[in-house]
Amino acid sequence: MAYFPLYLDMNNLKVLLVGGSTIATEKLEKLLIFTKEITILSLRIDEHMSTLAKKHNLTLYQRAYKEGDMEGFDLVIVATDTVDLHKAIYEESRETRILVNSVDNTDYCDFIFPAFVQKGDLTIAISTGGASPAFAKRMRQHLDKIIPNSVGTFLKKMKEQRTTRAKGKERMKYFDAMVEKYFSEQFK
């Protein structure tokens, strides 16, 4: 079954990232785009992760995960090489409302990380439901090339305009015309 695409406001969510490897660091880089409420828990910490944790003033505990560590968190990302740990954390979460992502282990996931393109307020997520992360990555690269960098500025202008125009059919026509003009200029 395919995953439901969901865009989540992460401003007030607390995230626990278990793991300190290169893969965990890649997840951290993606998370930092959307939140700074991240706690990292790992015996070993990748040098780049350590740098990111200091730069963004993240909480970092250099120790192994123990039962109960997920308490108080909304999301748990498990990015380790230990499948037994992934399973244990996922099973522990079943007694809570905490959502778990287990990197490279969809059997122990409530959600997955999609590949995504982000330019300003535009975020496009790509998922193959875990079937082929390589395909999702390649699709992300393709979309990143064809979506103009100016889209962020355009969307910022659209957002400002939405606050100044009264709702109704005229407003809808105005915005449709702006979008049509943008597309005709950018995608010749």
Protein backbone atom coordinates (compact mmCIF):
# COMPACT_ATOMS: atom_id res chain seq x y z
CA MET A 1 0.00 0.00 0.00
CA ALA A 2 1.24 3.50 -0.82
CA TYR A 3 2.01 6.09 1.87
CA PHE A 4 -0.35 9.04 2.37
CA PRO A 5 1.41 12.31 1.49
CA LEU A 6 1.22 14.65 4.46
CA TYR A 7 2.78 18.06 4.96
CA LEU A 8 3.34 18.56 8.67
CA ASP A 9 3.95 21.82 10.55
CA MET A 10 6.94 20.86 12.67
CA ASN A 11 7.35 24.16 14.52
CA ASN A 12 6.19 22.79 17.87
CA LEU A 13 7.05 19.11 17.42
CA LYS A 14 9.92 17.53 19.31
CA VAL A 15 12.08 15.11 17.33
CA LEU A 16 14.40 12.44 18.69
CA LEU A 17 17.07 11.27 16.25
CA VAL A 18 18.71 8.00 17.31
CA GLY A 19 22.00 7.47 15.51
CA GLY A 20 25.09 9.46 14.67
CA SER A 21 26.30 8.02 11.36
CA THR A 22 26.45 9.55 7.89
CA ILE A 23 22.89 8.35 7.19
CA ALA A 24 21.64 9.90 10.45
CA THR A 25 23.41 13.12 9.50
CA GLU A 26 21.62 13.15 6.13
CA LYS A 27 18.28 12.85 7.97
CA LEU A 28 19.35 15.63 10.33
CA GLU A 29 20.14 17.94 7.42
CA LYS A 30 16.63 17.40 6.03
CA LEU A 31 14.99 17.89 9.42
CA LEU A 32 16.86 21.15 10.05
CA ILE A 33 15.07 22.76 7.10
CA PHE A 34 11.79 22.38 9.01
CA THR A 35 12.61 22.40 12.74
CA LYS A 36 15.36 22.98 15.28
CA GLU A 37 13.54 21.05 18.05
CA ILE A 38 15.81 18.04 17.63
CA THR A 39 17.55 15.89 20.20
CA ILE A 40 20.28 13.52 19.02
CA LEU A 41 21.08 10.31 20.86
CA SER A 42 23.99 8.10 19.80
CA LEU A 43 27.12 6.41 21.14
CA ARG A 44 29.16 7.64 18.18
CA ILE A 45 28.62 10.99 16.49
CA ASP A 46 29.70 11.78 12.93
CA GLU A 47 31.93 14.90 12.84
CA HIS A 48 29.55 16.73 10.49
CA MET A 49 26.61 15.91 12.78
CA SER A 50 28.52 17.27 15.74
CA THR A 51 29.17 20.49 13.82
CA LEU A 52 25.48 20.80 12.87
CA ALA A 53 24.38 20.15 16.46
CA LYS A 54 26.63 22.94 17.73
CA LYS A 55 25.68 25.35 14.93
CA HIS A 56 21.93 24.89 15.54
CA ASN A 57 22.16 24.57 19.33
CA LEU A 58 20.66 21.07 19.31
CA THR A 59 20.59 18.76 22.32
CA LEU A 60 23.06 15.91 21.94
CA TYR A 61 23.50 12.89 24.22
CA GLN A 62 26.44 10.64 23.47
CA ARG A 63 25.10 7.35 24.80
CA ALA A 64 23.00 4.37 23.73
CA TYR A 65 19.22 4.49 23.51
CA LYS A 66 17.40 3.02 26.49
CA GLU A 67 13.72 2.21 26.92
CA GLY A 68 11.75 5.32 27.81
CA ASP A 69 14.03 7.77 25.97
CA MET A 70 11.25 8.53 23.46
CA GLU A 71 8.98 9.91 26.19
CA GLY A 72 8.10 13.55 25.51
CA PHE A 73 8.88 13.39 21.80
CA ASP A 74 6.43 13.55 18.90
CA LEU A 75 8.60 11.88 16.26
CA VAL A 76 11.46 9.40 16.54
CA ILE A 77 13.89 8.81 13.69
CA VAL A 78 16.01 5.67 14.10
CA ALA A 79 19.08 5.71 11.86
CA THR A 80 21.42 3.00 13.08
CA ASP A 81 22.86 -0.24 11.72
CA THR A 82 21.13 -2.29 14.43
CA VAL A 83 17.87 -3.80 13.16
CA ASP A 84 17.05 -5.12 16.64
CA LEU A 85 17.17 -1.55 17.99
CA HIS A 86 14.89 -0.33 15.19
CA LYS A 87 12.40 -3.07 16.04
CA ALA A 88 12.59 -2.44 19.80
CA ILE A 89 12.02 1.31 19.44
CA TYR A 90 9.13 0.77 17.03
CA GLU A 91 7.50 -1.80 19.35
CA GLU A 92 7.95 0.54 22.33
CA SER A 93 6.22 3.31 20.37
CA ARG A 94 3.12 1.13 19.80
CA GLU A 95 2.03 1.95 23.36
CA THR A 96 2.23 5.69 22.63
CA ARG A 97 1.09 8.13 19.97
CA ILE A 98 4.72 8.75 18.95
CA LEU A 99 5.41 8.27 15.24
CA VAL A 100 8.57 6.39 14.23
CA ASN A 101 10.69 6.39 11.10
CA SER A 102 13.15 3.54 10.88
CA VAL A 103 15.71 4.27 8.18
CA ASP A 104 15.85 1.50 5.56
CA ASN A 105 13.35 -0.59 7.56
CA THR A 106 9.80 0.12 6.38
CA ASP A 107 8.51 -2.72 8.58
CA TYR A 108 9.24 -0.46 11.56
CA CYS A 109 7.92 2.83 10.14
CA ASP A 110 4.82 4.91 10.66
CA PHE A 111 6.08 7.31 8.00
CA ILE A 112 8.93 7.58 5.55
CA PHE A 113 11.13 10.46 4.46
CA PRO A 114 10.31 11.35 0.88
CA ALA A 115 12.84 12.79 -1.47
CA PHE A 116 11.88 16.44 -1.84
CA VAL A 117 12.56 19.62 -3.72
CA GLN A 118 12.26 22.83 -1.74
CA LYS A 119 12.49 26.32 -3.17
CA GLY A 120 11.05 28.98 -0.91
CA ASP A 121 7.51 27.97 0.08
CA LEU A 122 7.33 25.33 -2.65
CA THR A 123 7.97 21.82 -1.40
CA ILE A 124 7.42 18.86 -3.69
CA ALA A 125 7.74 15.41 -2.13
CA ILE A 126 8.54 12.27 -4.12
CA SER A 127 7.97 8.79 -2.74
CA THR A 128 8.10 5.30 -4.17
CA GLY A 129 6.72 3.83 -0.95
CA GLY A 130 10.17 2.46 -0.17
CA ALA A 131 10.34 0.52 -3.46
CA SER A 132 13.23 2.53 -4.91
CA PRO A 133 14.89 5.39 -3.02
CA ALA A 134 17.28 5.67 -6.00
CA PHE A 135 14.34 6.42 -8.32
CA ALA A 136 12.93 9.01 -5.91
CA LYS A 137 16.37 10.65 -5.65
CA ARG A 138 16.74 10.80 -9.43
CA MET A 139 13.25 12.27 -9.80
CA ARG A 140 14.12 14.90 -7.17
CA GLN A 141 17.23 15.86 -9.12
CA HIS A 142 15.20 16.12 -12.31
CA LEU A 143 12.53 18.34 -10.72
CA ASP A 144 15.17 20.47 -9.02
CA LYS A 145 16.68 21.25 -12.43
CA ILE A 146 13.42 22.20 -14.13
CA ILE A 147 11.79 24.24 -11.34
CA PRO A 148 13.08 27.81 -11.57
CA ASN A 149 14.86 29.27 -8.56
CA SER A 150 12.61 32.33 -8.89
CA VAL A 151 9.62 30.32 -7.67
CA GLY A 152 10.34 31.28 -4.05
CA THR A 153 10.17 34.98 -4.85
CA PHE A 154 7.03 34.47 -6.93
CA LEU A 155 5.28 32.57 -4.13
CA LYS A 156 6.28 35.22 -1.60
CA LYS A 157 4.64 37.84 -3.84
CA MET A 158 1.53 35.66 -4.16
CA LYS A 159 1.32 35.27 -0.37
CA GLU A 160 1.53 39.05 0.10
CA GLN A 161 -1.16 39.60 -2.54
CA ARG A 162 -3.52 37.15 -0.83
CA THR A 163 -3.68 39.40 2.23
CA THR A 164 -4.62 42.49 0.21
CA ARG A 165 -7.34 41.17 -2.10
CA ALA A 166 -10.89 40.38 -1.09
CA LYS A 167 -11.96 36.77 -1.53
CA GLY A 168 -14.17 35.91 -4.45
CA LYS A 169 -14.20 35.14 -8.16
CA GLU A 170 -12.24 38.26 -9.15
CA ARG A 171 -9.44 37.34 -6.77
CA MET A 172 -9.35 33.79 -8.16
CA LYS A 173 -9.16 35.12 -11.73
CA TYR A 174 -6.39 37.54 -10.75
CA PHE A 175 -4.28 34.78 -9.15
CA ASP A 176 -4.93 32.36 -12.00
CA ALA A 177 -3.69 35.05 -14.43
CA MET A 178 -0.56 35.68 -12.32
CA VAL A 179 0.24 31.98 -12.24
CA GLU A 180 -0.40 31.59 -15.96
CA LYS A 181 1.92 34.52 -16.72
CA TYR A 182 4.63 33.10 -14.44
CA PHE A 183 4.43 29.68 -16.10
CA SER A 184 4.48 31.13 -19.62
CA GLU A 185 7.58 33.18 -18.78
CA GLN A 186 9.46 30.46 -16.87
CA PHE A 187 8.58 27.33 -18.82
CA LYS A 188 9.03 28.43 -22.43
